[in-house]
Amino acid sequence: MIILRPKQVTPANFARFGSVVTAPQTAPTSQAADYKFWSDLAHYRIDGETEIGICTVYHMPVSIITEVERHEHTPEILIPINAPFALPLLRDGDSVEQAELFRVGIGEAVVIDAGIWHGPCLPIGCANSSYFVIFARRTPHTDVRKKEISPIEIMQKGQDRG
């Protein structure tokens, strides 16, 4: 069984799967006494109407992933609402040993490119985590392909294999 521990998401380590939005380290695009605005932090293309959903995931005593999914025609944007989550990802053609697990915290967002396999997000350090999901409208009904994979066990900080 493959064992993964989450690593903090950064634009560099996530680039092969999509893009990351983090707190900008540059001067604002525009600002005044009552605001600061940064533009152009990430890019994605969605043809047509989009939808926003909310997913809540729950901590399980043992987290083992045996299935992943992808959306062939749309990127997927994930934004934590109340707690960080761990996001498992795998590129098409990669072996399960090449899967990666990213920690995405409040104040960050990820844009998963179309065609990237991903597992369920998992809450980190709490009983549950909710996050916004943004993609092309009707994606859950028309653009979800799933496949079984060899088991991947998700280990969080402080956990030991029992």
C-alpha atoms as a PDB file:
ATOM      1  CA  MET A   1       0.000   0.000   0.000  1.00  0.00           C
ATOM      2  CA  ILE A   2       1.222   3.508  -0.812  1.00  0.00           C
ATOM      3  CA  ILE A   3       1.358   5.898   2.164  1.00  0.00           C
ATOM      4  CA  LEU A   4       1.128   9.657   1.594  1.00  0.00           C
ATOM      5  CA  ARG A   5       1.564  12.574   3.977  1.00  0.00           C
ATOM      6  CA  PRO A   6       0.308  16.023   2.961  1.00  0.00           C
ATOM      7  CA  LYS A   7       2.784  18.670   1.899  1.00  0.00           C
ATOM      8  CA  GLN A   8       1.994  22.364   1.935  1.00  0.00           C
ATOM      9  CA  VAL A   9       0.744  23.432  -1.482  1.00  0.00           C
ATOM     10  CA  THR A  10       2.876  26.003  -3.341  1.00  0.00           C
ATOM     11  CA  PRO A  11       2.674  27.293  -6.906  1.00  0.00           C
ATOM     12  CA  ALA A  12       5.895  25.418  -7.745  1.00  0.00           C
ATOM     13  CA  ASN A  13       5.029  21.976  -6.327  1.00  0.00           C
ATOM     14  CA  PHE A  14       1.452  22.075  -7.663  1.00  0.00           C
ATOM     15  CA  ALA A  15       2.278  23.282 -11.204  1.00  0.00           C
ATOM     16  CA  ARG A  16       2.013  19.850 -12.850  1.00  0.00           C
ATOM     17  CA  PHE A  17      -1.625  19.607 -11.674  1.00  0.00           C
ATOM     18  CA  GLY A  18      -2.861  23.186 -12.091  1.00  0.00           C
ATOM     19  CA  SER A  19      -2.350  26.468 -10.286  1.00  0.00           C
ATOM     20  CA  VAL A  20      -2.491  27.824  -6.752  1.00  0.00           C
ATOM     21  CA  VAL A  21      -3.791  31.091  -5.378  1.00  0.00           C
ATOM     22  CA  THR A  22      -2.033  32.250  -2.216  1.00  0.00           C
ATOM     23  CA  ALA A  23      -1.654  35.570  -0.444  1.00  0.00           C
ATOM     24  CA  PRO A  24       0.185  37.841  -2.880  1.00  0.00           C
ATOM     25  CA  GLN A  25       3.708  38.975  -2.061  1.00  0.00           C
ATOM     26  CA  THR A  26       3.667  41.785  -4.630  1.00  0.00           C
ATOM     27  CA  ALA A  27       2.308  45.295  -4.652  1.00  0.00           C
ATOM     28  CA  PRO A  28      -1.464  45.536  -5.205  1.00  0.00           C
ATOM     29  CA  THR A  29      -2.802  46.199  -8.685  1.00  0.00           C
ATOM     30  CA  SER A  30      -4.925  48.960  -7.210  1.00  0.00           C
ATOM     31  CA  GLN A  31      -5.349  50.452  -3.778  1.00  0.00           C
ATOM     32  CA  ALA A  32      -6.826  53.319  -1.823  1.00  0.00           C
ATOM     33  CA  ALA A  33      -7.234  54.104   1.869  1.00  0.00           C
ATOM     34  CA  ASP A  34     -10.121  51.616   2.164  1.00  0.00           C
ATOM     35  CA  TYR A  35      -8.972  48.680  -0.016  1.00  0.00           C
ATOM     36  CA  LYS A  36      -6.183  46.780  -1.723  1.00  0.00           C
ATOM     37  CA  PHE A  37      -6.821  44.663  -4.826  1.00  0.00           C
ATOM     38  CA  TRP A  38      -4.569  42.100  -6.494  1.00  0.00           C
ATOM     39  CA  SER A  39      -5.584  40.864  -9.949  1.00  0.00           C
ATOM     40  CA  ASP A  40      -4.377  38.051 -12.180  1.00  0.00           C
ATOM     41  CA  LEU A  41      -3.437  35.619  -9.383  1.00  0.00           C
ATOM     42  CA  ALA A  42      -4.432  32.468 -11.316  1.00  0.00           C
ATOM     43  CA  HIS A  43      -5.818  31.508 -14.712  1.00  0.00           C
ATOM     44  CA  TYR A  44      -8.340  28.966 -15.927  1.00  0.00           C
ATOM     45  CA  ARG A  45     -10.673  28.581 -18.872  1.00  0.00           C
ATOM     46  CA  ILE A  46     -14.249  27.365 -18.587  1.00  0.00           C
ATOM     47  CA  ASP A  47     -16.510  27.480 -21.607  1.00  0.00           C
ATOM     48  CA  GLY A  48     -20.081  28.364 -20.727  1.00  0.00           C
ATOM     49  CA  GLU A  49     -21.887  28.791 -17.452  1.00  0.00           C
ATOM     50  CA  THR A  50     -20.268  27.815 -14.144  1.00  0.00           C
ATOM     51  CA  GLU A  51     -21.632  26.542 -10.846  1.00  0.00           C
ATOM     52  CA  ILE A  52     -20.500  26.845  -7.253  1.00  0.00           C
ATOM     53  CA  GLY A  53     -21.103  24.029  -4.802  1.00  0.00           C
ATOM     54  CA  ILE A  54     -20.050  23.258  -1.254  1.00  0.00           C
ATOM     55  CA  CYS A  55     -18.612  19.924  -0.146  1.00  0.00           C
ATOM     56  CA  THR A  56     -18.137  18.887   3.468  1.00  0.00           C
ATOM     57  CA  VAL A  57     -15.727  16.047   4.217  1.00  0.00           C
ATOM     58  CA  TYR A  58     -15.421  14.180   7.514  1.00  0.00           C
ATOM     59  CA  HIS A  59     -12.433  12.803   9.409  1.00  0.00           C
ATOM     60  CA  MET A  60     -12.257   9.004   9.366  1.00  0.00           C
ATOM     61  CA  PRO A  61     -10.117   6.931  11.770  1.00  0.00           C
ATOM     62  CA  VAL A  62      -8.269   5.463   8.760  1.00  0.00           C
ATOM     63  CA  SER A  63      -8.237   7.248   5.400  1.00  0.00           C
ATOM     64  CA  ILE A  64      -7.653   4.913   2.476  1.00  0.00           C
ATOM     65  CA  ILE A  65      -8.350   6.002  -1.093  1.00  0.00           C
ATOM     66  CA  THR A  66      -9.210   3.290  -3.613  1.00  0.00           C
ATOM     67  CA  GLU A  67     -10.899   5.432  -6.283  1.00  0.00           C
ATOM     68  CA  VAL A  68     -10.164   8.709  -8.057  1.00  0.00           C
ATOM     69  CA  GLU A  69     -12.127  10.841 -10.487  1.00  0.00           C
ATOM     70  CA  ARG A  70     -11.471  13.445 -13.147  1.00  0.00           C
ATOM     71  CA  HIS A  71     -13.339  15.958 -15.255  1.00  0.00           C
ATOM     72  CA  GLU A  72     -12.190  15.827 -18.852  1.00  0.00           C
ATOM     73  CA  HIS A  73     -13.776  19.115 -19.994  1.00  0.00           C
ATOM     74  CA  THR A  74     -13.411  21.523 -17.082  1.00  0.00           C
ATOM     75  CA  PRO A  75     -10.937  22.623 -14.445  1.00  0.00           C
ATOM     76  CA  GLU A  76     -12.096  22.391 -10.837  1.00  0.00           C
ATOM     77  CA  ILE A  77     -11.488  25.147  -8.308  1.00  0.00           C
ATOM     78  CA  LEU A  78     -11.397  24.260  -4.594  1.00  0.00           C
ATOM     79  CA  ILE A  79     -11.433  26.902  -1.838  1.00  0.00           C
ATOM     80  CA  PRO A  80     -11.406  25.950   1.880  1.00  0.00           C
ATOM     81  CA  ILE A  81     -14.133  27.621   3.933  1.00  0.00           C
ATOM     82  CA  ASN A  82     -13.622  26.635   7.575  1.00  0.00           C
ATOM     83  CA  ALA A  83     -10.582  24.349   7.785  1.00  0.00           C
ATOM     84  CA  PRO A  84      -7.659  23.058   5.715  1.00  0.00           C
ATOM     85  CA  PHE A  85      -7.930  19.886   3.679  1.00  0.00           C
ATOM     86  CA  ALA A  86      -5.594  17.383   2.037  1.00  0.00           C
ATOM     87  CA  LEU A  87      -6.042  16.873  -1.709  1.00  0.00           C
ATOM     88  CA  PRO A  88      -4.683  13.709  -3.416  1.00  0.00           C
ATOM     89  CA  LEU A  89      -3.780  14.104  -7.121  1.00  0.00           C
ATOM     90  CA  LEU A  90      -2.499  11.907  -9.929  1.00  0.00           C
ATOM     91  CA  ARG A  91      -1.756  12.745 -13.565  1.00  0.00           C
ATOM     92  CA  ASP A  92      -3.064  10.530 -16.361  1.00  0.00           C
ATOM     93  CA  GLY A  93      -0.454   7.887 -17.137  1.00  0.00           C
ATOM     94  CA  ASP A  94       1.276   8.183 -13.755  1.00  0.00           C
ATOM     95  CA  SER A  95       1.458   5.126 -11.503  1.00  0.00           C
ATOM     96  CA  VAL A  96      -0.203   5.269  -8.106  1.00  0.00           C
ATOM     97  CA  GLU A  97       3.302   5.577  -6.607  1.00  0.00           C
ATOM     98  CA  GLN A  98       3.502   9.009  -8.274  1.00  0.00           C
ATOM     99  CA  ALA A  99       0.376  10.328  -6.506  1.00  0.00           C
ATOM    100  CA  GLU A 100       0.895  13.487  -4.473  1.00  0.00           C
ATOM    101  CA  LEU A 101      -1.001  14.883  -1.488  1.00  0.00           C
ATOM    102  CA  PHE A 102      -1.311  18.627  -0.910  1.00  0.00           C
ATOM    103  CA  ARG A 103      -2.405  20.596   2.150  1.00  0.00           C
ATOM    104  CA  VAL A 104      -4.629  23.519   1.146  1.00  0.00           C
ATOM    105  CA  GLY A 105      -5.336  26.038   3.909  1.00  0.00           C
ATOM    106  CA  ILE A 106      -7.829  28.793   4.511  1.00  0.00           C
ATOM    107  CA  GLY A 107      -6.821  31.789   2.391  1.00  0.00           C
ATOM    108  CA  GLU A 108      -5.598  29.534  -0.441  1.00  0.00           C
ATOM    109  CA  ALA A 109      -7.310  28.059  -3.490  1.00  0.00           C
ATOM    110  CA  VAL A 110      -6.304  25.486  -6.079  1.00  0.00           C
ATOM    111  CA  VAL A 111      -7.285  25.198  -9.730  1.00  0.00           C
ATOM    112  CA  ILE A 112      -7.072  21.553 -10.805  1.00  0.00           C
ATOM    113  CA  ASP A 113      -6.556  21.312 -14.566  1.00  0.00           C
ATOM    114  CA  ALA A 114      -9.078  19.366 -16.640  1.00  0.00           C
ATOM    115  CA  GLY A 115      -8.106  15.700 -16.923  1.00  0.00           C
ATOM    116  CA  ILE A 116      -6.266  15.468 -13.576  1.00  0.00           C
ATOM    117  CA  TRP A 117      -7.261  12.520 -11.390  1.00  0.00           C
ATOM    118  CA  HIS A 118      -8.140  13.508  -7.832  1.00  0.00           C
ATOM    119  CA  GLY A 119      -9.356  11.747  -4.739  1.00  0.00           C
ATOM    120  CA  PRO A 120     -11.686  13.079  -2.089  1.00  0.00           C
ATOM    121  CA  CYS A 121     -10.405  15.970  -0.036  1.00  0.00           C
ATOM    122  CA  LEU A 122      -9.735  15.019   3.574  1.00  0.00           C
ATOM    123  CA  PRO A 123     -10.008  17.305   6.615  1.00  0.00           C
ATOM    124  CA  ILE A 124      -6.751  18.111   8.383  1.00  0.00           C
ATOM    125  CA  GLY A 125      -6.654  18.410  12.157  1.00  0.00           C
ATOM    126  CA  CYS A 126     -10.417  18.648  12.637  1.00  0.00           C
ATOM    127  CA  ALA A 127     -13.622  16.623  12.499  1.00  0.00           C
ATOM    128  CA  ASN A 128     -14.751  18.104   9.179  1.00  0.00           C
ATOM    129  CA  SER A 129     -13.845  20.601   6.508  1.00  0.00           C
ATOM    130  CA  SER A 130     -16.097  22.427   4.055  1.00  0.00           C
ATOM    131  CA  TYR A 131     -14.931  23.933   0.797  1.00  0.00           C
ATOM    132  CA  PHE A 132     -16.300  25.676  -2.286  1.00  0.00           C
ATOM    133  CA  VAL A 133     -16.211  23.706  -5.542  1.00  0.00           C
ATOM    134  CA  ILE A 134     -16.376  25.695  -8.792  1.00  0.00           C
ATOM    135  CA  PHE A 135     -16.525  24.181 -12.294  1.00  0.00           C
ATOM    136  CA  ALA A 136     -18.617  24.140 -15.466  1.00  0.00           C
ATOM    137  CA  ARG A 137     -22.324  23.856 -14.784  1.00  0.00           C
ATOM    138  CA  ARG A 138     -23.653  20.263 -14.618  1.00  0.00           C
ATOM    139  CA  THR A 139     -20.146  18.758 -14.317  1.00  0.00           C
ATOM    140  CA  PRO A 140     -21.263  16.308 -11.586  1.00  0.00           C
ATOM    141  CA  HIS A 141     -23.913  14.972 -13.992  1.00  0.00           C
ATOM    142  CA  THR A 142     -22.079  15.025 -17.318  1.00  0.00           C
ATOM    143  CA  ASP A 143     -18.295  15.076 -16.840  1.00  0.00           C
ATOM    144  CA  VAL A 144     -17.178  12.701 -14.095  1.00  0.00           C
ATOM    145  CA  ARG A 145     -15.025   9.702 -14.917  1.00  0.00           C
ATOM    146  CA  LYS A 146     -13.981   7.431 -12.041  1.00  0.00           C
ATOM    147  CA  LYS A 147     -11.420   4.654 -11.790  1.00  0.00           C
ATOM    148  CA  GLU A 148     -10.217   2.288  -9.109  1.00  0.00           C
ATOM    149  CA  ILE A 149      -6.599   2.503  -7.987  1.00  0.00           C
ATOM    150  CA  SER A 150      -4.334   0.501  -5.709  1.00  0.00           C
ATOM    151  CA  PRO A 151      -4.989   1.622  -2.115  1.00  0.00           C
ATOM    152  CA  ILE A 152      -3.362   4.809  -0.875  1.00  0.00           C
ATOM    153  CA  GLU A 153      -3.305   5.421   2.871  1.00  0.00           C
ATOM    154  CA  ILE A 154      -3.349   9.036   3.945  1.00  0.00           C
ATOM    155  CA  MET A 155      -1.281   9.758   7.046  1.00  0.00           C
ATOM    156  CA  GLN A 156      -1.602  13.054   8.836  1.00  0.00           C
ATOM    157  CA  LYS A 157       0.904  14.740  11.099  1.00  0.00           C
ATOM    158  CA  GLY A 158       1.257  12.832  14.336  1.00  0.00           C
ATOM    159  CA  GLN A 159      -0.312   9.643  12.993  1.00  0.00           C
ATOM    160  CA  ASP A 160       1.560   6.383  13.066  1.00  0.00           C
ATOM    161  CA  ARG A 161       0.728   3.223  11.212  1.00  0.00           C
ATOM    162  CA  GLY A 162      -0.880   0.851  13.661  1.00  0.00           C
END
